[in-house]
N, C-alpha and C. Protein backbone atom coordinates (compact mmCIF):
# COMPACT_ATOMS: atom_id res chain seq x y z
N UNK A 1 65.44 92.10 106.71
CA UNK A 1 65.18 93.49 107.09
C UNK A 1 65.72 93.76 108.50
N UNK A 2 66.43 94.86 108.66
CA UNK A 2 66.96 95.28 109.96
C UNK A 2 66.38 96.64 110.32
N UNK A 3 66.43 96.97 111.62
CA UNK A 3 65.73 98.16 112.10
C UNK A 3 66.64 99.03 112.95
N UNK A 4 66.38 100.34 112.90
CA UNK A 4 67.09 101.32 113.74
C UNK A 4 66.03 102.13 114.48
N UNK A 5 66.08 102.05 115.80
CA UNK A 5 65.16 102.82 116.63
C UNK A 5 65.86 104.10 117.10
N UNK A 6 65.23 105.23 116.88
CA UNK A 6 65.84 106.53 117.22
C UNK A 6 64.94 107.26 118.20
N UNK A 7 65.52 107.66 119.31
CA UNK A 7 64.82 108.44 120.33
C UNK A 7 65.61 109.73 120.52
N UNK A 8 64.96 110.87 120.30
CA UNK A 8 65.66 112.15 120.37
C UNK A 8 66.32 112.36 121.73
N UNK A 9 65.79 111.77 122.78
CA UNK A 9 66.39 111.91 124.10
C UNK A 9 67.77 111.26 124.19
N UNK A 10 68.10 110.39 123.22
CA UNK A 10 69.39 109.72 123.23
C UNK A 10 70.47 110.51 122.49
N UNK A 11 70.18 111.75 122.12
CA UNK A 11 71.14 112.55 121.36
C UNK A 11 72.44 112.76 122.16
N UNK A 12 73.52 112.95 121.43
CA UNK A 12 74.83 113.13 122.07
C UNK A 12 74.91 114.48 122.78
N UNK A 13 74.37 115.51 122.15
CA UNK A 13 74.41 116.85 122.74
C UNK A 13 73.12 117.10 123.53
N UNK A 14 73.16 116.83 124.81
CA UNK A 14 71.96 116.96 125.64
C UNK A 14 71.58 118.42 125.91
N UNK A 15 72.49 119.34 125.62
CA UNK A 15 72.19 120.76 125.84
C UNK A 15 71.44 121.38 124.67
N UNK A 16 71.36 120.67 123.57
CA UNK A 16 70.74 121.23 122.37
C UNK A 16 69.22 121.14 122.45
N UNK A 17 68.56 122.22 122.02
CA UNK A 17 67.10 122.24 121.95
C UNK A 17 66.59 121.93 120.55
N UNK A 18 67.47 121.90 119.56
CA UNK A 18 67.02 121.68 118.20
C UNK A 18 66.66 120.21 117.99
N UNK A 19 66.14 119.93 116.81
CA UNK A 19 65.69 118.58 116.50
C UNK A 19 66.82 117.70 115.97
N UNK A 20 68.04 118.19 115.94
CA UNK A 20 69.15 117.40 115.42
C UNK A 20 69.56 116.33 116.43
N UNK A 21 69.89 115.16 115.91
CA UNK A 21 70.37 114.07 116.75
C UNK A 21 71.45 113.30 116.00
N UNK A 22 72.51 112.94 116.69
CA UNK A 22 73.57 112.08 116.14
C UNK A 22 73.63 110.80 116.96
N UNK A 23 73.63 109.67 116.26
CA UNK A 23 73.69 108.36 116.92
C UNK A 23 74.91 107.61 116.39
N UNK A 24 75.74 107.15 117.29
CA UNK A 24 76.89 106.32 116.93
C UNK A 24 76.55 104.85 117.13
N UNK A 25 76.93 104.02 116.19
CA UNK A 25 76.70 102.57 116.29
C UNK A 25 77.96 101.89 116.84
N UNK A 26 77.75 100.82 117.58
CA UNK A 26 78.88 100.06 118.10
C UNK A 26 79.69 99.44 116.97
N UNK A 27 79.00 99.03 115.93
CA UNK A 27 79.66 98.49 114.75
C UNK A 27 79.07 99.14 113.51
N UNK A 28 79.85 99.14 112.45
CA UNK A 28 79.34 99.69 111.21
C UNK A 28 78.14 98.89 110.72
N UNK A 29 77.17 99.59 110.14
CA UNK A 29 76.04 98.90 109.53
C UNK A 29 76.16 99.00 108.01
N UNK A 30 75.69 97.99 107.35
CA UNK A 30 75.82 97.92 105.90
C UNK A 30 74.42 97.99 105.28
N UNK A 31 74.22 98.99 104.44
CA UNK A 31 72.93 99.17 103.77
C UNK A 31 73.13 98.82 102.31
N UNK A 32 72.38 97.84 101.87
CA UNK A 32 72.58 97.32 100.52
C UNK A 32 71.71 98.01 99.48
N UNK A 33 70.42 98.22 99.80
CA UNK A 33 69.50 98.70 98.77
C UNK A 33 68.83 100.04 99.10
N UNK A 34 68.20 100.12 100.27
CA UNK A 34 67.44 101.31 100.59
C UNK A 34 67.24 101.42 102.09
N UNK A 35 66.86 102.63 102.51
CA UNK A 35 66.48 102.86 103.90
C UNK A 35 65.06 103.41 103.90
N UNK A 36 64.22 102.89 104.80
CA UNK A 36 62.80 103.24 104.83
C UNK A 36 62.46 103.92 106.15
N UNK A 37 61.57 104.86 106.07
CA UNK A 37 61.02 105.48 107.28
C UNK A 37 59.74 104.74 107.62
N UNK A 38 59.79 103.91 108.66
CA UNK A 38 58.64 103.08 109.02
C UNK A 38 57.67 103.80 109.93
N UNK A 39 58.21 104.58 110.85
CA UNK A 39 57.35 105.15 111.90
C UNK A 39 58.00 106.40 112.44
N UNK A 40 57.20 107.42 112.66
CA UNK A 40 57.72 108.70 113.17
C UNK A 40 56.60 109.38 113.94
N UNK A 41 56.85 109.68 115.20
CA UNK A 41 55.83 110.31 116.02
C UNK A 41 56.49 111.14 117.11
N UNK A 42 55.71 111.99 117.71
CA UNK A 42 56.24 112.82 118.80
C UNK A 42 55.26 113.91 119.17
N UNK A 43 55.70 114.78 120.04
CA UNK A 43 54.91 115.93 120.47
C UNK A 43 55.46 117.18 119.82
N UNK A 44 54.64 117.84 119.05
CA UNK A 44 55.06 119.07 118.39
C UNK A 44 54.70 120.26 119.28
N UNK A 45 55.72 120.99 119.68
CA UNK A 45 55.48 122.20 120.47
C UNK A 45 56.34 123.30 119.88
N UNK A 46 55.78 124.02 118.94
CA UNK A 46 56.51 125.04 118.20
C UNK A 46 55.86 126.39 118.46
N UNK A 47 56.63 127.30 118.99
CA UNK A 47 56.07 128.61 119.34
C UNK A 47 55.67 129.38 118.08
N UNK A 48 54.53 130.02 118.16
CA UNK A 48 54.05 130.83 117.04
C UNK A 48 55.01 131.96 116.73
N UNK A 49 55.49 132.62 117.76
CA UNK A 49 56.38 133.76 117.60
C UNK A 49 57.78 133.36 118.07
N UNK A 50 58.77 133.63 117.23
CA UNK A 50 60.16 133.33 117.58
C UNK A 50 61.03 134.53 117.23
N UNK A 51 62.33 134.35 117.35
CA UNK A 51 63.25 135.47 117.13
C UNK A 51 63.33 135.89 115.67
N UNK A 52 62.76 135.08 114.75
CA UNK A 52 62.82 135.41 113.34
C UNK A 52 61.58 136.15 112.83
N UNK A 53 60.48 136.08 113.54
CA UNK A 53 59.22 136.62 113.00
C UNK A 53 58.49 137.53 113.98
N UNK A 54 59.19 138.17 114.88
CA UNK A 54 58.52 138.90 115.97
C UNK A 54 58.51 140.41 115.81
N UNK A 55 58.83 140.93 114.62
CA UNK A 55 58.89 142.39 114.45
C UNK A 55 58.02 142.85 113.29
N UNK A 56 57.23 143.90 113.54
CA UNK A 56 56.49 144.62 112.51
C UNK A 56 56.55 146.11 112.84
N UNK A 57 56.18 146.93 111.88
CA UNK A 57 56.20 148.38 112.11
C UNK A 57 54.95 149.01 111.53
N UNK A 58 54.34 149.91 112.27
CA UNK A 58 53.16 150.65 111.81
C UNK A 58 53.49 152.13 111.83
N UNK A 59 53.27 152.80 110.70
CA UNK A 59 53.52 154.23 110.59
C UNK A 59 52.22 154.93 110.24
N UNK A 60 51.85 155.91 111.04
CA UNK A 60 50.60 156.65 110.83
C UNK A 60 50.84 157.85 109.91
N UNK A 61 49.75 158.37 109.37
CA UNK A 61 49.86 159.46 108.40
C UNK A 61 50.45 160.73 108.99
N UNK A 62 50.42 160.88 110.31
CA UNK A 62 51.05 162.04 110.94
C UNK A 62 52.52 161.77 111.27
N UNK A 63 53.07 160.68 110.67
CA UNK A 63 54.48 160.29 110.81
C UNK A 63 54.83 159.69 112.17
N UNK A 64 53.84 159.37 112.96
CA UNK A 64 54.10 158.63 114.20
C UNK A 64 54.42 157.19 113.86
N UNK A 65 55.53 156.70 114.38
CA UNK A 65 56.00 155.35 114.08
C UNK A 65 55.91 154.47 115.32
N UNK A 66 55.37 153.28 115.13
CA UNK A 66 55.28 152.30 116.21
C UNK A 66 56.02 151.03 115.78
N UNK A 67 57.18 150.82 116.39
CA UNK A 67 57.92 149.58 116.17
C UNK A 67 57.46 148.55 117.18
N UNK A 68 56.97 147.43 116.68
CA UNK A 68 56.36 146.42 117.54
C UNK A 68 57.25 145.18 117.56
N UNK A 69 57.67 144.79 118.72
CA UNK A 69 58.43 143.56 118.90
C UNK A 69 57.63 142.65 119.81
N UNK A 70 57.07 141.60 119.23
CA UNK A 70 56.20 140.69 119.96
C UNK A 70 57.06 139.74 120.78
N UNK A 71 56.79 139.56 122.07
CA UNK A 71 57.58 138.63 122.88
C UNK A 71 57.62 137.25 122.23
N UNK A 72 58.83 136.73 122.02
CA UNK A 72 58.95 135.45 121.34
C UNK A 72 58.94 134.30 122.33
N UNK A 73 59.04 133.09 121.75
CA UNK A 73 58.97 131.85 122.52
C UNK A 73 57.69 131.80 123.37
N UNK A 74 56.61 132.23 122.75
CA UNK A 74 55.30 132.16 123.39
C UNK A 74 54.29 131.72 122.34
N UNK A 75 53.20 131.15 122.80
CA UNK A 75 52.11 130.80 121.92
C UNK A 75 50.96 131.79 122.10
N UNK A 76 50.32 132.10 121.00
CA UNK A 76 49.20 133.05 120.98
C UNK A 76 48.04 132.41 120.24
N UNK A 77 46.83 132.88 120.55
CA UNK A 77 45.70 132.56 119.70
C UNK A 77 45.33 133.84 118.96
N UNK A 78 44.28 133.80 118.13
CA UNK A 78 43.94 134.95 117.30
C UNK A 78 43.61 136.18 118.14
N UNK A 79 43.06 135.99 119.32
CA UNK A 79 42.66 137.13 120.15
C UNK A 79 43.80 137.69 120.98
N UNK A 80 44.61 136.81 121.59
CA UNK A 80 45.71 137.31 122.42
C UNK A 80 46.78 137.99 121.57
N UNK A 81 46.99 137.52 120.34
CA UNK A 81 47.94 138.19 119.46
C UNK A 81 47.43 139.58 119.10
N UNK A 82 46.16 139.68 118.75
CA UNK A 82 45.58 140.99 118.42
C UNK A 82 45.63 141.93 119.61
N UNK A 83 45.34 141.43 120.78
CA UNK A 83 45.34 142.27 121.98
C UNK A 83 46.73 142.82 122.26
N UNK A 84 47.76 141.98 122.11
CA UNK A 84 49.10 142.48 122.38
C UNK A 84 49.50 143.58 121.39
N UNK A 85 49.24 143.37 120.10
CA UNK A 85 49.61 144.36 119.09
C UNK A 85 48.83 145.65 119.31
N UNK A 86 47.55 145.54 119.57
CA UNK A 86 46.72 146.72 119.79
C UNK A 86 47.19 147.52 120.99
N UNK A 87 47.46 146.84 122.08
CA UNK A 87 47.89 147.54 123.30
C UNK A 87 49.28 148.14 123.15
N UNK A 88 50.13 147.52 122.35
CA UNK A 88 51.46 148.06 122.12
C UNK A 88 51.42 149.32 121.27
N UNK A 89 50.56 149.34 120.26
CA UNK A 89 50.43 150.53 119.42
C UNK A 89 49.84 151.68 120.23
N UNK A 90 48.67 151.45 120.80
CA UNK A 90 48.06 152.42 121.72
C UNK A 90 48.12 153.85 121.18
N UNK A 91 47.65 154.03 119.96
CA UNK A 91 47.70 155.35 119.32
C UNK A 91 46.60 155.43 118.28
N UNK A 92 46.05 156.63 118.13
CA UNK A 92 45.06 156.93 117.09
C UNK A 92 43.90 155.93 117.10
N UNK A 93 43.51 155.51 118.29
CA UNK A 93 42.42 154.55 118.44
C UNK A 93 42.64 153.31 117.57
N UNK A 94 43.88 152.93 117.44
CA UNK A 94 44.19 151.75 116.64
C UNK A 94 43.50 150.52 117.23
N UNK A 95 42.91 149.72 116.33
CA UNK A 95 42.21 148.53 116.78
C UNK A 95 42.54 147.37 115.83
N UNK A 96 42.46 146.18 116.36
CA UNK A 96 42.74 144.97 115.57
C UNK A 96 41.75 143.91 116.03
N UNK A 97 40.88 143.48 115.13
CA UNK A 97 39.79 142.58 115.48
C UNK A 97 39.79 141.39 114.52
N UNK A 98 39.59 140.22 115.06
CA UNK A 98 39.52 139.02 114.25
C UNK A 98 38.07 138.70 113.91
N UNK A 99 37.79 138.49 112.63
CA UNK A 99 36.46 138.15 112.15
C UNK A 99 36.36 136.63 112.04
N UNK A 100 35.60 136.00 112.92
CA UNK A 100 35.51 134.55 112.94
C UNK A 100 34.68 134.00 111.78
N UNK A 101 33.92 134.85 111.09
CA UNK A 101 33.17 134.40 109.93
C UNK A 101 34.02 134.43 108.66
N UNK A 102 34.75 135.53 108.46
CA UNK A 102 35.59 135.66 107.28
C UNK A 102 37.00 135.14 107.50
N UNK A 103 37.36 134.91 108.74
CA UNK A 103 38.66 134.36 109.11
C UNK A 103 39.79 135.30 108.71
N UNK A 104 39.60 136.60 108.96
CA UNK A 104 40.62 137.60 108.68
C UNK A 104 40.66 138.59 109.84
N UNK A 105 41.76 139.34 109.89
CA UNK A 105 41.87 140.46 110.82
C UNK A 105 41.48 141.75 110.11
N UNK A 106 40.88 142.66 110.86
CA UNK A 106 40.64 144.02 110.39
C UNK A 106 41.39 144.98 111.28
N UNK A 107 42.29 145.78 110.68
CA UNK A 107 43.04 146.79 111.41
C UNK A 107 42.44 148.14 111.07
N UNK A 108 42.23 148.97 112.08
CA UNK A 108 41.61 150.27 111.85
C UNK A 108 42.20 151.31 112.80
N UNK A 109 42.03 152.59 112.42
CA UNK A 109 42.52 153.69 113.25
C UNK A 109 41.74 154.94 112.86
N UNK A 110 42.06 156.05 113.49
CA UNK A 110 41.40 157.31 113.16
C UNK A 110 42.13 158.08 112.08
N UNK A 111 43.19 157.50 111.54
CA UNK A 111 43.92 158.07 110.41
C UNK A 111 44.54 156.92 109.61
N UNK A 112 44.94 157.20 108.40
CA UNK A 112 45.55 156.17 107.58
C UNK A 112 46.91 155.78 108.15
N UNK A 113 47.35 154.59 107.77
CA UNK A 113 48.61 154.06 108.30
C UNK A 113 49.19 153.05 107.32
N UNK A 114 50.45 152.71 107.50
CA UNK A 114 51.09 151.66 106.72
C UNK A 114 51.51 150.54 107.67
N UNK A 115 51.46 149.33 107.15
CA UNK A 115 51.91 148.15 107.89
C UNK A 115 53.15 147.62 107.20
N UNK A 116 54.28 147.69 107.88
CA UNK A 116 55.56 147.30 107.31
C UNK A 116 55.88 145.86 107.72
N UNK A 117 55.79 144.95 106.75
CA UNK A 117 56.07 143.53 107.00
C UNK A 117 57.46 143.13 106.51
N UNK A 118 58.34 144.12 106.33
CA UNK A 118 59.71 143.82 105.90
C UNK A 118 60.65 143.70 107.09
N UNK A 119 60.15 143.87 108.30
CA UNK A 119 61.00 143.91 109.48
C UNK A 119 61.45 142.53 109.95
N UNK A 120 60.70 141.50 109.59
CA UNK A 120 61.01 140.13 110.03
C UNK A 120 60.27 139.16 109.12
N UNK A 121 60.20 137.90 109.52
CA UNK A 121 59.48 136.89 108.75
C UNK A 121 58.03 136.76 109.18
N UNK A 122 57.51 137.75 109.85
CA UNK A 122 56.12 137.71 110.29
C UNK A 122 55.16 137.54 109.11
N UNK A 123 55.54 138.09 107.96
CA UNK A 123 54.68 137.99 106.78
C UNK A 123 54.39 136.55 106.38
N UNK A 124 55.34 135.63 106.70
CA UNK A 124 55.13 134.22 106.36
C UNK A 124 53.96 133.63 107.14
N UNK A 125 53.76 134.12 108.36
CA UNK A 125 52.64 133.62 109.16
C UNK A 125 51.29 134.02 108.55
N UNK A 126 51.31 135.08 107.76
CA UNK A 126 50.07 135.63 107.21
C UNK A 126 49.81 135.20 105.77
N UNK A 127 50.75 134.43 105.19
CA UNK A 127 50.67 134.13 103.77
C UNK A 127 50.59 135.40 102.94
N UNK A 128 51.37 136.40 103.36
CA UNK A 128 51.44 137.67 102.65
C UNK A 128 52.86 137.86 102.13
N UNK A 129 53.09 138.96 101.42
CA UNK A 129 54.41 139.24 100.88
C UNK A 129 55.22 140.11 101.82
N UNK A 130 56.53 140.09 101.62
CA UNK A 130 57.42 140.92 102.42
C UNK A 130 57.39 142.33 101.85
N UNK A 131 56.33 143.04 102.19
CA UNK A 131 56.07 144.36 101.62
C UNK A 131 55.53 145.31 102.69
N UNK A 132 55.36 146.56 102.26
CA UNK A 132 54.69 147.57 103.08
C UNK A 132 53.28 147.76 102.54
N UNK A 133 52.27 147.59 103.39
CA UNK A 133 50.87 147.66 102.99
C UNK A 133 50.25 148.96 103.49
N UNK A 134 49.42 149.56 102.64
CA UNK A 134 48.76 150.83 102.98
C UNK A 134 47.30 150.61 103.32
N UNK A 135 46.84 151.29 104.34
CA UNK A 135 45.42 151.24 104.68
C UNK A 135 44.61 152.05 103.67
N UNK A 136 43.34 151.76 103.59
CA UNK A 136 42.42 152.49 102.72
C UNK A 136 41.25 152.98 103.56
N UNK A 137 41.08 154.30 103.63
CA UNK A 137 40.05 154.88 104.51
C UNK A 137 40.23 154.40 105.95
N UNK A 138 41.48 154.38 106.39
CA UNK A 138 41.84 154.05 107.79
C UNK A 138 41.64 152.57 108.13
N UNK A 139 41.46 151.73 107.10
CA UNK A 139 41.22 150.30 107.36
C UNK A 139 42.18 149.46 106.52
N UNK A 140 42.66 148.37 107.12
CA UNK A 140 43.53 147.43 106.41
C UNK A 140 43.13 146.02 106.81
N UNK A 141 42.95 145.17 105.82
CA UNK A 141 42.59 143.78 106.09
C UNK A 141 43.85 142.91 106.05
N UNK A 142 43.92 141.99 106.99
CA UNK A 142 45.15 141.23 107.24
C UNK A 142 44.79 139.75 107.25
N UNK A 143 45.53 138.96 106.46
CA UNK A 143 45.26 137.52 106.42
C UNK A 143 45.41 136.90 107.80
N UNK A 144 44.71 135.81 108.01
CA UNK A 144 44.77 135.13 109.30
C UNK A 144 46.14 134.51 109.50
N UNK A 145 46.60 134.49 110.72
CA UNK A 145 47.86 133.85 111.07
C UNK A 145 47.74 132.35 110.87
N UNK A 146 48.79 131.74 110.32
CA UNK A 146 48.80 130.30 110.05
C UNK A 146 49.19 129.55 111.31
N UNK A 147 48.22 129.13 112.07
CA UNK A 147 48.48 128.44 113.33
C UNK A 147 48.84 126.97 113.14
N UNK A 148 48.74 126.46 111.90
CA UNK A 148 49.05 125.05 111.66
C UNK A 148 50.49 124.84 111.20
N UNK A 149 51.22 125.90 110.99
CA UNK A 149 52.58 125.78 110.50
C UNK A 149 53.49 125.13 111.52
N UNK A 150 54.45 124.27 111.17
CA UNK A 150 54.63 123.78 109.80
C UNK A 150 53.73 122.59 109.50
N UNK A 151 53.13 122.62 108.33
CA UNK A 151 52.30 121.50 107.91
C UNK A 151 53.15 120.29 107.52
N UNK A 152 54.39 120.55 107.15
CA UNK A 152 55.28 119.48 106.73
C UNK A 152 56.58 119.52 107.55
N UNK A 153 57.10 118.34 107.84
CA UNK A 153 58.41 118.21 108.47
C UNK A 153 59.30 117.42 107.53
N UNK A 154 60.49 117.93 107.27
CA UNK A 154 61.42 117.28 106.36
C UNK A 154 62.55 116.65 107.16
N UNK A 155 62.82 115.40 106.86
CA UNK A 155 63.82 114.61 107.59
C UNK A 155 65.05 114.46 106.71
N UNK A 156 66.19 114.95 107.19
CA UNK A 156 67.43 114.85 106.46
C UNK A 156 68.41 113.98 107.23
N UNK A 157 68.97 112.98 106.56
CA UNK A 157 70.01 112.12 107.15
C UNK A 157 71.33 112.50 106.47
N UNK A 158 72.23 113.07 107.25
CA UNK A 158 73.43 113.67 106.68
C UNK A 158 74.30 112.66 105.94
N UNK A 159 74.33 111.44 106.42
CA UNK A 159 75.21 110.43 105.84
C UNK A 159 74.65 109.76 104.58
N UNK A 160 73.42 110.09 104.23
CA UNK A 160 72.77 109.44 103.09
C UNK A 160 72.33 110.51 102.09
N UNK A 161 72.61 110.30 100.82
CA UNK A 161 72.28 111.26 99.78
C UNK A 161 70.79 111.58 99.80
N UNK A 162 70.47 112.88 99.72
CA UNK A 162 69.08 113.31 99.75
C UNK A 162 68.38 112.96 98.44
N UNK A 163 67.06 112.85 98.52
CA UNK A 163 66.25 112.55 97.33
C UNK A 163 65.12 113.54 97.12
N UNK A 164 64.82 114.36 98.11
CA UNK A 164 63.73 115.33 98.01
C UNK A 164 64.25 116.73 98.20
N UNK A 165 63.57 117.70 97.60
CA UNK A 165 63.87 119.11 97.85
C UNK A 165 62.75 119.69 98.68
N UNK A 166 63.07 120.08 99.93
CA UNK A 166 62.05 120.59 100.84
C UNK A 166 61.65 122.00 100.44
N UNK A 167 62.62 122.81 100.03
CA UNK A 167 62.38 124.19 99.62
C UNK A 167 63.63 124.64 98.89
N UNK A 168 63.76 125.93 98.68
CA UNK A 168 64.97 126.43 98.05
C UNK A 168 66.16 126.37 98.99
N UNK A 169 65.92 126.05 100.25
CA UNK A 169 66.97 126.16 101.25
C UNK A 169 67.52 124.83 101.74
N UNK A 170 66.78 123.75 101.57
CA UNK A 170 67.21 122.51 102.22
C UNK A 170 66.81 121.31 101.38
N UNK A 171 67.60 120.27 101.44
CA UNK A 171 67.26 119.00 100.82
C UNK A 171 67.00 117.97 101.90
N UNK A 172 66.29 116.90 101.55
CA UNK A 172 65.91 115.95 102.59
C UNK A 172 65.73 114.55 102.01
N UNK A 173 65.63 113.59 102.91
CA UNK A 173 65.39 112.20 102.52
C UNK A 173 63.91 111.83 102.59
N UNK A 174 63.18 112.41 103.56
CA UNK A 174 61.78 112.07 103.75
C UNK A 174 60.97 113.33 104.03
N UNK A 175 59.70 113.30 103.63
CA UNK A 175 58.77 114.41 103.89
C UNK A 175 57.60 113.87 104.71
N UNK A 176 57.34 114.50 105.85
CA UNK A 176 56.25 114.09 106.73
C UNK A 176 55.14 115.13 106.65
N UNK A 177 53.94 114.70 106.34
CA UNK A 177 52.84 115.65 106.29
C UNK A 177 51.89 115.37 105.14
N UNK A 178 50.80 116.12 105.05
CA UNK A 178 50.48 117.22 105.98
C UNK A 178 50.17 116.73 107.39
N UNK A 179 50.64 117.50 108.37
CA UNK A 179 50.50 117.15 109.77
C UNK A 179 49.18 117.71 110.30
N UNK A 180 48.40 116.84 110.92
CA UNK A 180 47.05 117.23 111.34
C UNK A 180 47.02 117.73 112.78
N UNK A 181 48.04 118.47 113.18
CA UNK A 181 48.01 119.07 114.51
C UNK A 181 48.50 120.51 114.40
N UNK A 182 48.14 121.33 115.39
CA UNK A 182 48.60 122.70 115.40
C UNK A 182 50.05 122.73 115.87
N UNK A 183 50.53 123.89 116.25
CA UNK A 183 51.91 124.03 116.67
C UNK A 183 52.21 123.25 117.93
N UNK A 184 51.17 122.82 118.58
CA UNK A 184 51.36 121.96 119.74
C UNK A 184 50.38 120.81 119.64
N UNK A 185 50.85 119.61 119.83
CA UNK A 185 50.00 118.43 119.73
C UNK A 185 50.80 117.26 119.18
N UNK A 186 50.17 116.10 119.15
CA UNK A 186 50.83 114.89 118.66
C UNK A 186 50.80 114.82 117.13
N UNK A 187 51.87 114.31 116.56
CA UNK A 187 51.89 114.03 115.13
C UNK A 187 52.42 112.61 114.94
N UNK A 188 52.12 112.01 113.81
CA UNK A 188 52.57 110.65 113.58
C UNK A 188 52.64 110.36 112.08
N UNK A 189 53.43 109.37 111.75
CA UNK A 189 53.61 108.92 110.37
C UNK A 189 53.81 107.42 110.42
N UNK A 190 53.20 106.72 109.46
CA UNK A 190 53.40 105.28 109.33
C UNK A 190 53.73 104.95 107.88
N UNK A 191 54.65 104.02 107.71
CA UNK A 191 55.11 103.66 106.37
C UNK A 191 53.96 103.16 105.50
N UNK A 192 53.04 102.42 106.08
CA UNK A 192 51.96 101.83 105.29
C UNK A 192 51.08 102.89 104.63
N UNK A 193 51.11 104.13 105.16
CA UNK A 193 50.30 105.21 104.58
C UNK A 193 51.02 105.94 103.45
N UNK A 194 52.36 106.01 103.53
CA UNK A 194 53.10 106.84 102.56
C UNK A 194 54.21 106.08 101.84
N UNK A 195 54.76 105.03 102.46
CA UNK A 195 55.78 104.17 101.85
C UNK A 195 56.96 104.99 101.31
N UNK A 196 57.59 105.75 102.18
CA UNK A 196 58.73 106.55 101.77
C UNK A 196 60.04 105.81 101.98
N UNK A 197 60.85 105.79 100.92
CA UNK A 197 62.14 105.12 100.96
C UNK A 197 63.18 106.01 100.29
N UNK A 198 64.43 105.81 100.68
CA UNK A 198 65.55 106.49 100.03
C UNK A 198 66.52 105.43 99.51
N UNK A 199 66.82 105.46 98.21
CA UNK A 199 67.76 104.47 97.67
C UNK A 199 69.15 104.64 98.30
N UNK A 200 69.74 103.54 98.68
CA UNK A 200 71.10 103.51 99.21
C UNK A 200 71.79 102.29 98.61
N UNK A 201 72.95 102.51 98.04
CA UNK A 201 73.60 101.40 97.34
C UNK A 201 74.93 101.03 98.00
N UNK A 202 74.91 99.90 98.69
CA UNK A 202 76.13 99.33 99.24
C UNK A 202 76.93 100.35 100.05
N UNK A 203 76.32 100.83 101.11
CA UNK A 203 76.97 101.87 101.92
C UNK A 203 77.16 101.38 103.35
N UNK A 204 78.35 101.62 103.88
CA UNK A 204 78.64 101.33 105.27
C UNK A 204 78.68 102.64 106.06
N UNK A 205 78.00 102.65 107.19
CA UNK A 205 77.98 103.86 108.02
C UNK A 205 78.21 103.49 109.47
N UNK A 206 78.84 104.39 110.17
CA UNK A 206 79.16 104.19 111.57
C UNK A 206 78.26 105.02 112.48
N UNK A 207 77.59 106.03 111.89
CA UNK A 207 76.71 106.89 112.68
C UNK A 207 75.62 107.45 111.78
N UNK A 208 74.59 108.01 112.40
CA UNK A 208 73.53 108.72 111.70
C UNK A 208 73.35 110.09 112.34
N UNK A 209 73.31 111.11 111.51
CA UNK A 209 72.98 112.46 111.96
C UNK A 209 71.68 112.86 111.30
N UNK A 210 70.65 113.04 112.10
CA UNK A 210 69.31 113.32 111.57
C UNK A 210 68.89 114.73 111.98
N UNK A 211 68.37 115.48 111.03
CA UNK A 211 67.90 116.84 111.28
C UNK A 211 66.49 116.99 110.73
N UNK A 212 65.64 117.69 111.47
CA UNK A 212 64.28 117.98 111.04
C UNK A 212 64.19 119.45 110.65
N UNK A 213 63.57 119.70 109.49
CA UNK A 213 63.45 121.06 108.99
C UNK A 213 61.99 121.40 108.71
N UNK A 214 61.68 122.70 108.73
CA UNK A 214 60.35 123.13 108.30
C UNK A 214 60.39 123.47 106.82
N UNK A 215 59.25 123.95 106.29
CA UNK A 215 59.13 124.21 104.86
C UNK A 215 60.10 125.27 104.37
N UNK A 216 60.49 126.19 105.24
CA UNK A 216 61.39 127.27 104.86
C UNK A 216 62.86 126.90 105.02
N UNK A 217 63.11 125.64 105.32
CA UNK A 217 64.49 125.19 105.43
C UNK A 217 65.15 125.56 106.73
N UNK A 218 64.36 125.87 107.75
CA UNK A 218 64.93 126.23 109.05
C UNK A 218 64.91 125.00 109.97
N UNK A 219 66.02 124.78 110.65
CA UNK A 219 66.11 123.65 111.57
C UNK A 219 65.01 123.77 112.62
N UNK A 220 64.22 122.71 112.74
CA UNK A 220 63.04 122.74 113.59
C UNK A 220 63.42 122.67 115.06
N UNK A 221 62.77 123.49 115.85
CA UNK A 221 62.97 123.48 117.30
C UNK A 221 61.63 123.18 117.95
N UNK A 222 61.51 121.99 118.55
CA UNK A 222 60.27 121.61 119.21
C UNK A 222 60.37 121.78 120.72
N UNK A 223 61.33 122.63 121.13
CA UNK A 223 61.43 123.06 122.52
C UNK A 223 61.46 121.89 123.50
N UNK A 224 62.40 121.00 123.23
CA UNK A 224 62.71 119.86 124.10
C UNK A 224 61.60 118.82 124.19
N UNK A 225 60.63 118.90 123.29
CA UNK A 225 59.62 117.83 123.24
C UNK A 225 60.19 116.66 122.44
N UNK A 226 59.93 115.47 122.93
CA UNK A 226 60.58 114.30 122.38
C UNK A 226 59.90 113.81 121.10
N UNK A 227 60.70 113.16 120.24
CA UNK A 227 60.17 112.47 119.06
C UNK A 227 60.91 111.16 118.87
N UNK A 228 60.24 110.22 118.19
CA UNK A 228 60.76 108.86 118.00
C UNK A 228 60.67 108.51 116.52
N UNK A 229 61.56 107.65 116.08
CA UNK A 229 61.58 107.26 114.68
C UNK A 229 62.09 105.82 114.56
N UNK A 230 61.54 105.07 113.61
CA UNK A 230 62.05 103.73 113.30
C UNK A 230 62.38 103.70 111.81
N UNK A 231 63.64 103.37 111.52
CA UNK A 231 64.10 103.19 110.15
C UNK A 231 64.33 101.71 109.91
N UNK A 232 64.16 101.29 108.69
CA UNK A 232 64.50 99.91 108.33
C UNK A 232 65.43 99.95 107.12
N UNK A 233 66.24 98.92 106.99
CA UNK A 233 67.15 98.84 105.86
C UNK A 233 67.45 97.39 105.56
N UNK A 234 68.00 97.19 104.38
CA UNK A 234 68.40 95.83 103.99
C UNK A 234 69.57 95.88 103.04
């Protein structure tokens, strides 16, 4: 059994913030049977709001339109997110309150309104559909934001044929999760718990290009927080 230690800080492109890393070997390595993911850990720091999910629109029954663009690359909790949206709308006594018992948001105003979730991927945070939602008697209930996303991290090695389908968008060699940390915190994986391997038959490689993806097939950005991995092969 032979081992490959990977440290994201050793990536060739030091200017990159994404989770992609390319490692060149001094000599070609020969993989006869399979490659195993033995150990994977790091600090997950993923912003709740990014450039893909920071837009929603609220239209009131008097045709007043409020386009909301939430500052991205920031972390929010249930209260600070509600406060920002409420203060940005600032119309028709619009309010947004989180119910800690039911674990949902309640949106209310002095007139009916629509919530347009087609403006960005914000709907994914809510486990809702990419639709326009109508209030009923000036009230609209909103699913809680998913602060644990991504629950899974998919590891793709470009030089080795994939064996898993992460989503409709990406294929991968290994799946890590469910991850027991929020968007910020430590995560870890050990082979003895999951025993993930990818079959490889008599392959010589000179480098490894590793990319981490979330469930939606988007290249993961942990904002320069480091991660480590140990692969084994024979």
